[in-house]
Amino acid sequence: MTFAPLPSTPATAVPADAPLLDVREPDEWAAGHADGATHVPMSQVVARLEEITGLAARHDGPLYVICKVGGRSAQVAQYLAQRGLDVVNVDGGMLAWEAAGRPMAAEAPGVEPHVL
């Protein structure tokens, strides 16, 4: 079976109102994540597929998938694409997001968001 190339985009090109799925681990998420993102660790994607499908269905356009540098998110995006979702991998992940100065949040109040 051959798959089409997975769409990807740099962090700077992700629309501000786009749905963003962060697939990093809980400690990575807590340290800093894209403001407004939804967190589903990679290990939970299969079990939470219905939730992810619902997230994608509530928005026009693709679901953007992000991790720290782009490897895990590419795997998750490929899995989701195989299930019919319109997805785009975020090249460079949260490291690129942070470097671009995109809005970030941390779980603990008063903590400066950063990529772990």
Protein backbone atom coordinates (compact mmCIF):
# COMPACT_ATOMS: atom_id res chain seq x y z
CA MET A 1 0.00 0.00 0.00
CA THR A 2 1.33 3.44 -0.94
CA PHE A 3 0.43 6.58 0.96
CA ALA A 4 0.35 10.15 -0.31
CA PRO A 5 2.98 12.47 1.15
CA LEU A 6 1.90 13.92 4.47
CA PRO A 7 1.14 17.64 4.29
CA SER A 8 3.34 19.74 6.56
CA THR A 9 3.80 23.41 7.32
CA PRO A 10 6.18 25.56 9.37
CA ALA A 11 4.99 26.76 12.79
CA THR A 12 4.86 30.31 11.46
CA ALA A 13 2.20 29.34 8.90
CA VAL A 14 -0.30 27.71 11.29
CA PRO A 15 -3.40 29.95 11.36
CA ALA A 16 -4.07 31.50 14.77
CA ASP A 17 -7.55 29.97 14.97
CA ALA A 18 -6.61 26.53 13.62
CA PRO A 19 -7.25 23.41 15.71
CA LEU A 20 -3.92 22.20 17.08
CA LEU A 21 -3.34 18.73 18.54
CA ASP A 22 -0.29 18.43 20.82
CA VAL A 23 0.85 14.80 21.12
CA ARG A 24 3.73 15.27 23.57
CA GLU A 25 3.98 13.72 27.02
CA PRO A 26 2.23 15.33 30.03
CA ASP A 27 5.44 16.82 31.48
CA GLU A 28 6.27 18.42 28.13
CA TRP A 29 2.73 19.83 27.87
CA ALA A 30 2.81 21.22 31.43
CA ALA A 31 6.10 23.08 30.83
CA GLY A 32 4.75 24.90 27.80
CA HIS A 33 2.32 24.41 24.95
CA ALA A 34 0.71 26.39 22.18
CA ASP A 35 -2.04 28.54 23.61
CA GLY A 36 -5.40 26.96 22.74
CA ALA A 37 -3.99 23.56 21.74
CA THR A 38 -5.63 20.26 22.69
CA HIS A 39 -3.45 17.72 24.48
CA VAL A 40 -3.64 14.03 23.62
CA PRO A 41 -0.35 12.20 24.28
CA MET A 42 0.78 9.99 21.41
CA SER A 43 0.24 6.88 23.56
CA GLN A 44 -3.47 7.79 23.93
CA VAL A 45 -4.27 8.68 20.31
CA VAL A 46 -5.80 5.31 19.39
CA ALA A 47 -7.97 5.19 22.52
CA ARG A 48 -9.08 8.81 22.06
CA LEU A 49 -9.61 8.70 18.28
CA GLU A 50 -13.31 9.60 18.60
CA GLU A 51 -12.41 12.73 20.62
CA ILE A 52 -9.78 13.73 18.03
CA THR A 53 -12.21 13.13 15.17
CA GLY A 54 -14.73 15.36 16.96
CA LEU A 55 -12.13 18.10 17.38
CA ALA A 56 -11.34 17.99 13.67
CA ALA A 57 -15.04 17.99 12.73
CA ARG A 58 -15.75 21.19 14.70
CA HIS A 59 -13.45 23.22 12.43
CA ASP A 60 -13.22 24.05 8.76
CA GLY A 61 -9.86 23.09 7.34
CA PRO A 62 -7.18 20.75 8.60
CA LEU A 63 -6.22 19.62 12.07
CA TYR A 64 -2.62 20.61 12.80
CA VAL A 65 -0.55 18.08 14.76
CA ILE A 66 2.50 19.14 16.80
CA CYS A 67 5.14 17.59 19.08
CA LYS A 68 8.60 18.81 20.13
CA VAL A 69 10.37 18.64 16.74
CA GLY A 70 7.97 16.96 14.31
CA GLY A 71 8.72 13.22 14.43
CA ARG A 72 5.98 12.02 16.77
CA SER A 73 3.46 14.39 15.26
CA ALA A 74 4.26 13.08 11.77
CA GLN A 75 3.52 9.53 12.93
CA VAL A 76 0.24 10.59 14.54
CA ALA A 77 -0.73 12.71 11.53
CA GLN A 78 -0.10 9.76 9.21
CA TYR A 79 -2.27 7.52 11.42
CA LEU A 80 -5.06 10.12 11.44
CA ALA A 81 -4.80 10.68 7.68
CA GLN A 82 -5.18 6.93 7.12
CA ARG A 83 -8.47 7.21 9.01
CA GLY A 84 -9.73 9.95 6.73
CA LEU A 85 -8.91 13.07 8.74
CA ASP A 86 -7.56 16.20 7.05
CA VAL A 87 -4.28 16.73 8.93
CA VAL A 88 -1.09 18.75 8.63
CA ASN A 89 2.15 18.08 10.51
CA VAL A 90 3.83 21.14 12.06
CA ASP A 91 7.48 21.13 10.91
CA GLY A 92 9.94 21.83 13.69
CA GLY A 93 7.27 21.29 16.34
CA MET A 94 7.14 23.27 19.56
CA LEU A 95 10.80 24.23 19.26
CA ALA A 96 9.95 26.10 16.05
CA TRP A 97 6.72 27.43 17.60
CA GLU A 98 8.64 28.88 20.55
CA ALA A 99 11.42 30.26 18.30
CA ALA A 100 8.79 32.01 16.16
CA GLY A 101 7.36 33.73 19.24
CA ARG A 102 3.94 32.12 18.83
CA PRO A 103 1.65 32.33 21.92
CA MET A 104 2.37 29.76 24.61
CA ALA A 105 0.93 28.81 27.99
CA ALA A 106 2.14 26.71 30.93
CA GLU A 107 0.05 24.68 33.36
CA ALA A 108 1.50 26.17 36.55
CA PRO A 109 0.55 29.81 37.29
CA GLY A 110 3.47 32.21 37.21
CA VAL A 111 5.70 29.81 35.26
CA GLU A 112 7.25 31.12 32.05
CA PRO A 113 6.18 28.71 29.29
CA HIS A 114 9.08 26.86 27.70
CA VAL A 115 9.63 23.78 25.57
CA LEU A 116 10.80 20.75 27.50
